[in-house]
């Protein structure tokens, strides 16, 4: 069928499916990690009060932790917010 009727899209068409929630949470995790790196780089560029207590490897480790934490938080709370119609 040329036009397509939306059939065959599988379970990803369901807005609360685990695959859709996992993809959304992963994207929010990436956003959280990059936001931390942008803030840290901005602090280093402006000069701040002094250097950061960790090097670049430490910054990437912290950004990874923030990405995992924000992704997990997004995954656990998204269905609750959608149920309350706040998304």
PDB file of N, CA and C in Angstrom:
ATOM      1  N   UNK A   1       0.847  -1.166   0.000  1.00  0.00           N
ATOM      2  CA  UNK A   1       0.000   0.000   0.000  1.00  0.00           C
ATOM      3  C   UNK A   1       0.897   1.235   0.000  1.00  0.00           C
ATOM      4  N   UNK A   2       0.637   2.143  -0.885  1.00  0.00           N
ATOM      5  CA  UNK A   2       1.505   3.303  -1.055  1.00  0.00           C
ATOM      6  C   UNK A   2       1.290   4.333   0.034  1.00  0.00           C
ATOM      7  N   UNK A   3       0.084   4.689   0.334  1.00  0.00           N
ATOM      8  CA  UNK A   3      -0.200   5.737   1.308  1.00  0.00           C
ATOM      9  C   UNK A   3       0.156   5.340   2.731  1.00  0.00           C
ATOM     10  N   UNK A   4      -0.016   4.110   3.033  1.00  0.00           N
ATOM     11  CA  UNK A   4       0.267   3.653   4.400  1.00  0.00           C
ATOM     12  C   UNK A   4      -0.828   4.098   5.346  1.00  0.00           C
ATOM     13  N   UNK A   5      -1.217   3.194   6.208  1.00  0.00           N
ATOM     14  CA  UNK A   5      -2.267   3.508   7.161  1.00  0.00           C
ATOM     15  C   UNK A   5      -1.758   3.468   8.597  1.00  0.00           C
ATOM     16  N   UNK A   6      -0.443   3.405   8.757  1.00  0.00           N
ATOM     17  CA  UNK A   6       0.110   3.371  10.096  1.00  0.00           C
ATOM     18  C   UNK A   6       0.225   1.968  10.649  1.00  0.00           C
ATOM     19  N   UNK A   7      -0.308   0.999   9.924  1.00  0.00           N
ATOM     20  CA  UNK A   7      -0.222  -0.375  10.388  1.00  0.00           C
ATOM     21  C   UNK A   7       1.204  -0.881  10.184  1.00  0.00           C
ATOM     22  N   UNK A   8       1.589  -1.806  10.991  1.00  0.00           N
ATOM     23  CA  UNK A   8       2.915  -2.373  10.860  1.00  0.00           C
ATOM     24  C   UNK A   8       3.981  -1.591  11.604  1.00  0.00           C
ATOM     25  N   UNK A   9       3.587  -0.629  12.373  1.00  0.00           N
ATOM     26  CA  UNK A   9       4.564   0.160  13.114  1.00  0.00           C
ATOM     27  C   UNK A   9       4.962  -0.530  14.409  1.00  0.00           C
ATOM     28  N   UNK A  10       4.276  -1.582  14.743  1.00  0.00           N
ATOM     29  CA  UNK A  10       4.637  -2.331  15.939  1.00  0.00           C
ATOM     30  C   UNK A  10       4.203  -1.634  17.212  1.00  0.00           C
ATOM     31  N   UNK A  11       4.842  -2.024  18.305  1.00  0.00           N
ATOM     32  CA  UNK A  11       4.462  -1.490  19.602  1.00  0.00           C
ATOM     33  C   UNK A  11       5.007  -0.089  19.841  1.00  0.00           C
ATOM     34  N   UNK A  12       5.877   0.411  18.934  1.00  0.00           N
ATOM     35  CA  UNK A  12       6.433   1.744  19.144  1.00  0.00           C
ATOM     36  C   UNK A  12       5.394   2.836  18.910  1.00  0.00           C
ATOM     37  N   UNK A  13       4.234   2.491  18.339  1.00  0.00           N
ATOM     38  CA  UNK A  13       3.183   3.481  18.135  1.00  0.00           C
ATOM     39  C   UNK A  13       2.488   3.828  19.456  1.00  0.00           C
ATOM     40  N   UNK A  14       2.560   2.933  20.418  1.00  0.00           N
ATOM     41  CA  UNK A  14       1.979   3.177  21.730  1.00  0.00           C
ATOM     42  C   UNK A  14       2.828   4.211  22.468  1.00  0.00           C
ATOM     43  N   UNK A  15       2.230   5.341  22.881  1.00  0.00           N
ATOM     44  CA  UNK A  15       3.039   6.386  23.511  1.00  0.00           C
ATOM     45  C   UNK A  15       3.652   5.977  24.847  1.00  0.00           C
ATOM     46  N   UNK A  16       3.159   4.927  25.479  1.00  0.00           N
ATOM     47  CA  UNK A  16       3.703   4.511  26.771  1.00  0.00           C
ATOM     48  C   UNK A  16       4.481   3.202  26.681  1.00  0.00           C
ATOM     49  N   UNK A  17       4.813   2.764  25.471  1.00  0.00           N
ATOM     50  CA  UNK A  17       5.556   1.517  25.350  1.00  0.00           C
ATOM     51  C   UNK A  17       6.951   1.677  25.940  1.00  0.00           C
ATOM     52  N   UNK A  18       7.523   0.572  26.347  1.00  0.00           N
ATOM     53  CA  UNK A  18       8.845   0.618  26.981  1.00  0.00           C
ATOM     54  C   UNK A  18       9.905   1.117  26.014  1.00  0.00           C
ATOM     55  N   UNK A  19       9.764   0.787  24.747  1.00  0.00           N
ATOM     56  CA  UNK A  19      10.755   1.226  23.758  1.00  0.00           C
ATOM     57  C   UNK A  19      10.724   2.740  23.598  1.00  0.00           C
ATOM     58  N   UNK A  20       9.547   3.313  23.519  1.00  0.00           N
ATOM     59  CA  UNK A  20       9.417   4.765  23.378  1.00  0.00           C
ATOM     60  C   UNK A  20       9.915   5.463  24.637  1.00  0.00           C
ATOM     61  N   UNK A  21       9.564   4.928  25.794  1.00  0.00           N
ATOM     62  CA  UNK A  21      10.031   5.531  27.052  1.00  0.00           C
ATOM     63  C   UNK A  21      11.537   5.444  27.188  1.00  0.00           C
ATOM     64  N   UNK A  22      12.124   4.317  26.789  1.00  0.00           N
ATOM     65  CA  UNK A  22      13.579   4.153  26.878  1.00  0.00           C
ATOM     66  C   UNK A  22      14.294   5.112  25.927  1.00  0.00           C
ATOM     67  N   UNK A  23      13.755   5.279  24.736  1.00  0.00           N
ATOM     68  CA  UNK A  23      14.369   6.206  23.772  1.00  0.00           C
ATOM     69  C   UNK A  23      14.286   7.639  24.284  1.00  0.00           C
ATOM     70  N   UNK A  24      13.154   8.013  24.814  1.00  0.00           N
ATOM     71  CA  UNK A  24      12.982   9.350  25.370  1.00  0.00           C
ATOM     72  C   UNK A  24      13.905   9.575  26.556  1.00  0.00           C
ATOM     73  N   UNK A  25      14.015   8.593  27.426  1.00  0.00           N
ATOM     74  CA  UNK A  25      14.889   8.714  28.589  1.00  0.00           C
ATOM     75  C   UNK A  25      16.349   8.820  28.176  1.00  0.00           C
ATOM     76  N   UNK A  26      16.749   8.061  27.154  1.00  0.00           N
ATOM     77  CA  UNK A  26      18.132   8.140  26.676  1.00  0.00           C
ATOM     78  C   UNK A  26      18.435   9.526  26.119  1.00  0.00           C
ATOM     79  N   UNK A  27      17.488  10.085  25.399  1.00  0.00           N
ATOM     80  CA  UNK A  27      17.694  11.434  24.854  1.00  0.00           C
ATOM     81  C   UNK A  27      17.777  12.471  25.969  1.00  0.00           C
ATOM     82  N   UNK A  28      16.940  12.338  26.989  1.00  0.00           N
ATOM     83  CA  UNK A  28      17.020  13.267  28.122  1.00  0.00           C
ATOM     84  C   UNK A  28      18.333  13.088  28.877  1.00  0.00           C
ATOM     85  N   UNK A  29      18.821  11.863  28.953  1.00  0.00           N
ATOM     86  CA  UNK A  29      20.109  11.630  29.577  1.00  0.00           C
ATOM     87  C   UNK A  29      21.239  12.309  28.816  1.00  0.00           C
ATOM     88  N   UNK A  30      21.209  12.221  27.498  1.00  0.00           N
ATOM     89  CA  UNK A  30      22.214  12.888  26.671  1.00  0.00           C
ATOM     90  C   UNK A  30      22.149  14.396  26.865  1.00  0.00           C
ATOM     91  N   UNK A  31      20.939  14.931  26.907  1.00  0.00           N
ATOM     92  CA  UNK A  31      20.773  16.371  27.128  1.00  0.00           C
ATOM     93  C   UNK A  31      21.357  16.778  28.481  1.00  0.00           C
ATOM     94  N   UNK A  32      21.092  15.998  29.510  1.00  0.00           N
ATOM     95  CA  UNK A  32      21.621  16.313  30.837  1.00  0.00           C
ATOM     96  C   UNK A  32      23.137  16.276  30.891  1.00  0.00           C
ATOM     97  N   UNK A  33      23.732  15.256  30.282  1.00  0.00           N
ATOM     98  CA  UNK A  33      25.182  15.144  30.264  1.00  0.00           C
ATOM     99  C   UNK A  33      25.848  16.277  29.501  1.00  0.00           C
ATOM    100  N   UNK A  34      25.310  16.595  28.330  1.00  0.00           N
ATOM    101  CA  UNK A  34      25.880  17.696  27.547  1.00  0.00           C
ATOM    102  C   UNK A  34      25.667  19.049  28.218  1.00  0.00           C
ATOM    103  N   UNK A  35      24.544  19.218  28.896  1.00  0.00           N
ATOM    104  CA  UNK A  35      24.311  20.482  29.604  1.00  0.00           C
ATOM    105  C   UNK A  35      25.355  20.684  30.696  1.00  0.00           C
ATOM    106  N   UNK A  36      25.705  19.629  31.403  1.00  0.00           N
ATOM    107  CA  UNK A  36      26.755  19.741  32.414  1.00  0.00           C
ATOM    108  C   UNK A  36      28.086  20.111  31.772  1.00  0.00           C
ATOM    109  N   UNK A  37      28.419  19.454  30.658  1.00  0.00           N
ATOM    110  CA  UNK A  37      29.691  19.759  29.991  1.00  0.00           C
ATOM    111  C   UNK A  37      29.734  21.198  29.482  1.00  0.00           C
ATOM    112  N   UNK A  38      28.608  21.697  28.992  1.00  0.00           N
ATOM    113  CA  UNK A  38      28.556  23.088  28.521  1.00  0.00           C
ATOM    114  C   UNK A  38      28.763  24.046  29.692  1.00  0.00           C
ATOM    115  N   UNK A  39      28.124  23.775  30.807  1.00  0.00           N
ATOM    116  CA  UNK A  39      28.302  24.639  31.977  1.00  0.00           C
ATOM    117  C   UNK A  39      29.743  24.602  32.493  1.00  0.00           C
ATOM    118  N   UNK A  40      30.339  23.418  32.526  1.00  0.00           N
ATOM    119  CA  UNK A  40      31.720  23.308  32.990  1.00  0.00           C
ATOM    120  C   UNK A  40      32.671  24.024  32.036  1.00  0.00           C
ATOM    121  N   UNK A  41      32.458  23.879  30.741  1.00  0.00           N
ATOM    122  CA  UNK A  41      33.313  24.553  29.767  1.00  0.00           C
ATOM    123  C   UNK A  41      33.137  26.067  29.847  1.00  0.00           C
ATOM    124  N   UNK A  42      31.916  26.517  30.042  1.00  0.00           N
ATOM    125  CA  UNK A  42      31.680  27.952  30.212  1.00  0.00           C
ATOM    126  C   UNK A  42      32.384  28.486  31.440  1.00  0.00           C
ATOM    127  N   UNK A  43      32.381  27.730  32.508  1.00  0.00           N
ATOM    128  CA  UNK A  43      33.083  28.141  33.730  1.00  0.00           C
ATOM    129  C   UNK A  43      34.588  28.257  33.475  1.00  0.00           C
ATOM    130  N   UNK A  44      35.127  27.291  32.747  1.00  0.00           N
ATOM    131  CA  UNK A  44      36.559  27.326  32.448  1.00  0.00           C
ATOM    132  C   UNK A  44      36.912  28.485  31.516  1.00  0.00           C
ATOM    133  N   UNK A  45      36.033  28.789  30.560  1.00  0.00           N
ATOM    134  CA  UNK A  45      36.309  29.879  29.618  1.00  0.00           C
ATOM    135  C   UNK A  45      36.230  31.242  30.276  1.00  0.00           C
ATOM    136  N   UNK A  46      35.267  31.426  31.155  1.00  0.00           N
ATOM    137  CA  UNK A  46      35.112  32.715  31.826  1.00  0.00           C
ATOM    138  C   UNK A  46      36.243  32.923  32.825  1.00  0.00           C
ATOM    139  N   UNK A  47      36.789  31.895  33.321  1.00  0.00           N
ATOM    140  CA  UNK A  47      37.913  32.023  34.239  1.00  0.00           C
ATOM    141  C   UNK A  47      37.539  31.715  35.663  1.00  0.00           C
ATOM    142  N   UNK A  48      36.297  31.893  36.008  1.00  0.00           N
ATOM    143  CA  UNK A  48      35.829  31.546  37.340  1.00  0.00           C
ATOM    144  C   UNK A  48      36.757  32.012  38.448  1.00  0.00           C
ATOM    145  N   UNK A  49      36.556  31.505  39.591  1.00  0.00           N
ATOM    146  CA  UNK A  49      37.391  31.829  40.745  1.00  0.00           C
ATOM    147  C   UNK A  49      38.720  31.090  40.641  1.00  0.00           C
ATOM    148  N   UNK A  50      38.712  29.902  40.118  1.00  0.00           N
ATOM    149  CA  UNK A  50      39.917  29.090  39.976  1.00  0.00           C
ATOM    150  C   UNK A  50      39.624  27.915  39.068  1.00  0.00           C
ATOM    151  N   UNK A  51      40.527  26.997  39.003  1.00  0.00           N
ATOM    152  CA  UNK A  51      40.314  25.795  38.217  1.00  0.00           C
ATOM    153  C   UNK A  51      39.326  24.870  38.907  1.00  0.00           C
ATOM    154  N   UNK A  52      38.750  24.000  38.115  1.00  0.00           N
ATOM    155  CA  UNK A  52      37.870  22.987  38.683  1.00  0.00           C
ATOM    156  C   UNK A  52      38.721  21.930  39.395  1.00  0.00           C
ATOM    157  N   UNK A  53      38.187  21.297  40.413  1.00  0.00           N
ATOM    158  CA  UNK A  53      38.979  20.325  41.175  1.00  0.00           C
ATOM    159  C   UNK A  53      39.252  19.017  40.421  1.00  0.00           C
ATOM    160  N   UNK A  54      38.668  18.828  39.260  1.00  0.00           N
ATOM    161  CA  UNK A  54      38.892  17.614  38.471  1.00  0.00           C
ATOM    162  C   UNK A  54      39.361  18.012  37.075  1.00  0.00           C
ATOM    163  N   UNK A  55      40.041  17.092  36.409  1.00  0.00           N
ATOM    164  CA  UNK A  55      40.488  17.324  35.040  1.00  0.00           C
ATOM    165  C   UNK A  55      39.376  16.993  34.049  1.00  0.00           C
ATOM    166  N   UNK A  56      39.764  16.939  32.771  1.00  0.00           N
ATOM    167  CA  UNK A  56      38.769  16.650  31.742  1.00  0.00           C
ATOM    168  C   UNK A  56      38.226  15.232  31.850  1.00  0.00           C
ATOM    169  N   UNK A  57      39.061  14.284  32.228  1.00  0.00           N
ATOM    170  CA  UNK A  57      38.575  12.911  32.411  1.00  0.00           C
ATOM    171  C   UNK A  57      37.522  12.870  33.523  1.00  0.00           C
ATOM    172  N   UNK A  58      37.759  13.616  34.590  1.00  0.00           N
ATOM    173  CA  UNK A  58      36.782  13.696  35.674  1.00  0.00           C
ATOM    174  C   UNK A  58      35.487  14.353  35.239  1.00  0.00           C
ATOM    175  N   UNK A  59      35.606  15.382  34.402  1.00  0.00           N
ATOM    176  CA  UNK A  59      34.399  16.046  33.902  1.00  0.00           C
ATOM    177  C   UNK A  59      33.555  15.092  33.062  1.00  0.00           C
ATOM    178  N   UNK A  60      34.217  14.296  32.224  1.00  0.00           N
ATOM    179  CA  UNK A  60      33.463  13.336  31.407  1.00  0.00           C
ATOM    180  C   UNK A  60      32.845  12.238  32.271  1.00  0.00           C
ATOM    181  N   UNK A  61      33.529  11.837  33.337  1.00  0.00           N
ATOM    182  CA  UNK A  61      32.959  10.842  34.246  1.00  0.00           C
ATOM    183  C   UNK A  61      31.733  11.407  34.966  1.00  0.00           C
ATOM    184  N   UNK A  62      31.835  12.645  35.421  1.00  0.00           N
ATOM    185  CA  UNK A  62      30.692  13.288  36.089  1.00  0.00           C
ATOM    186  C   UNK A  62      29.535  13.462  35.111  1.00  0.00           C
ATOM    187  N   UNK A  63      29.850  13.872  33.871  1.00  0.00           N
ATOM    188  CA  UNK A  63      28.802  14.034  32.858  1.00  0.00           C
ATOM    189  C   UNK A  63      28.118  12.699  32.565  1.00  0.00           C
ATOM    190  N   UNK A  64      28.892  11.619  32.549  1.00  0.00           N
ATOM    191  CA  UNK A  64      28.290  10.297  32.354  1.00  0.00           C
ATOM    192  C   UNK A  64      27.361   9.923  33.496  1.00  0.00           C
ATOM    193  N   UNK A  65      27.771  10.230  34.713  1.00  0.00           N
ATOM    194  CA  UNK A  65      26.907   9.965  35.865  1.00  0.00           C
ATOM    195  C   UNK A  65      25.632  10.786  35.828  1.00  0.00           C
ATOM    196  N   UNK A  66      25.765  12.037  35.427  1.00  0.00           N
ATOM    197  CA  UNK A  66      24.580  12.896  35.309  1.00  0.00           C
ATOM    198  C   UNK A  66      23.674  12.391  34.201  1.00  0.00           C
ATOM    199  N   UNK A  67      24.252  11.929  33.098  1.00  0.00           N
ATOM    200  CA  UNK A  67      23.446  11.403  31.994  1.00  0.00           C
ATOM    201  C   UNK A  67      22.660  10.170  32.434  1.00  0.00           C
ATOM    202  N   UNK A  68      23.306   9.276  33.161  1.00  0.00           N
ATOM    203  CA  UNK A  68      22.623   8.071  33.641  1.00  0.00           C
ATOM    204  C   UNK A  68      21.524   8.438  34.643  1.00  0.00           C
ATOM    205  N   UNK A  69      21.836   9.351  35.553  1.00  0.00           N
ATOM    206  CA  UNK A  69      20.846   9.740  36.571  1.00  0.00           C
ATOM    207  C   UNK A  69      19.648  10.450  35.939  1.00  0.00           C
ATOM    208  N   UNK A  70      19.899  11.369  35.010  1.00  0.00           N
ATOM    209  CA  UNK A  70      18.773  12.094  34.403  1.00  0.00           C
ATOM    210  C   UNK A  70      17.971  11.176  33.487  1.00  0.00           C
ATOM    211  N   UNK A  71      18.627  10.240  32.820  1.00  0.00           N
ATOM    212  CA  UNK A  71      17.891   9.270  32.003  1.00  0.00           C
ATOM    213  C   UNK A  71      17.022   8.359  32.851  1.00  0.00           C
ATOM    214  N   UNK A  72      17.568   7.904  33.970  1.00  0.00           N
ATOM    215  CA  UNK A  72      16.785   7.044  34.872  1.00  0.00           C
ATOM    216  C   UNK A  72      15.608   7.798  35.473  1.00  0.00           C
ATOM    217  N   UNK A  73      15.844   9.043  35.842  1.00  0.00           N
ATOM    218  CA  UNK A  73      14.756   9.854  36.393  1.00  0.00           C
ATOM    219  C   UNK A  73      13.668  10.096  35.350  1.00  0.00           C
ATOM    220  N   UNK A  74      14.079  10.351  34.124  1.00  0.00           N
ATOM    221  CA  UNK A  74      13.096  10.563  33.055  1.00  0.00           C
ATOM    222  C   UNK A  74      12.299   9.290  32.791  1.00  0.00           C
ATOM    223  N   UNK A  75      12.974   8.141  32.808  1.00  0.00           N
ATOM    224  CA  UNK A  75      12.288   6.878  32.545  1.00  0.00           C
ATOM    225  C   UNK A  75      11.271   6.554  33.631  1.00  0.00           C
ATOM    226  N   UNK A  76      11.629   6.828  34.873  1.00  0.00           N
ATOM    227  CA  UNK A  76      10.727   6.460  35.971  1.00  0.00           C
ATOM    228  C   UNK A  76       9.563   7.427  36.142  1.00  0.00           C
ATOM    229  N   UNK A  77       9.708   8.652  35.707  1.00  0.00           N
ATOM    230  CA  UNK A  77       8.645   9.636  35.947  1.00  0.00           C
ATOM    231  C   UNK A  77       7.805   9.972  34.724  1.00  0.00           C
ATOM    232  N   UNK A  78       8.244   9.588  33.536  1.00  0.00           N
ATOM    233  CA  UNK A  78       7.501  10.010  32.340  1.00  0.00           C
ATOM    234  C   UNK A  78       6.075   9.482  32.310  1.00  0.00           C
ATOM    235  N   UNK A  79       5.879   8.219  32.652  1.00  0.00           N
ATOM    236  CA  UNK A  79       4.524   7.667  32.600  1.00  0.00           C
ATOM    237  C   UNK A  79       3.616   8.310  33.645  1.00  0.00           C
ATOM    238  N   UNK A  80       4.183   8.723  34.772  1.00  0.00           N
ATOM    239  CA  UNK A  80       3.369   9.397  35.795  1.00  0.00           C
ATOM    240  C   UNK A  80       2.936  10.788  35.322  1.00  0.00           C
ATOM    241  N   UNK A  81       3.859  11.495  34.691  1.00  0.00           N
ATOM    242  CA  UNK A  81       3.497  12.828  34.189  1.00  0.00           C
ATOM    243  C   UNK A  81       2.483  12.728  33.059  1.00  0.00           C
ATOM    244  N   UNK A  82       2.645  11.726  32.193  1.00  0.00           N
ATOM    245  CA  UNK A  82       1.697  11.558  31.091  1.00  0.00           C
ATOM    246  C   UNK A  82       0.309  11.182  31.626  1.00  0.00           C
ATOM    247  N   UNK A  83       0.268  10.392  32.696  1.00  0.00           N
ATOM    248  CA  UNK A  83      -1.016  10.018  33.291  1.00  0.00           C
ATOM    249  C   UNK A  83      -1.729  11.228  33.885  1.00  0.00           C
ATOM    250  N   UNK A  84      -0.957  12.181  34.375  1.00  0.00           N
ATOM    251  CA  UNK A  84      -1.549  13.408  34.919  1.00  0.00           C
ATOM    252  C   UNK A  84      -1.738  14.473  33.854  1.00  0.00           C
ATOM    253  N   UNK A  85      -1.407  14.142  32.623  1.00  0.00           N
ATOM    254  CA  UNK A  85      -1.540  15.033  31.452  1.00  0.00           C
ATOM    255  C   UNK A  85      -0.716  16.311  31.624  1.00  0.00           C
ATOM    256  N   UNK A  86       0.508  16.143  32.100  1.00  0.00           N
ATOM    257  CA  UNK A  86       1.400  17.306  32.270  1.00  0.00           C
ATOM    258  C   UNK A  86       2.524  17.312  31.251  1.00  0.00           C
ATOM    259  N   UNK A  87       2.407  16.492  30.204  1.00  0.00           N
ATOM    260  CA  UNK A  87       3.431  16.487  29.166  1.00  0.00           C
ATOM    261  C   UNK A  87       2.884  17.035  27.880  1.00  0.00           C
TER     262      UNK A  87
END
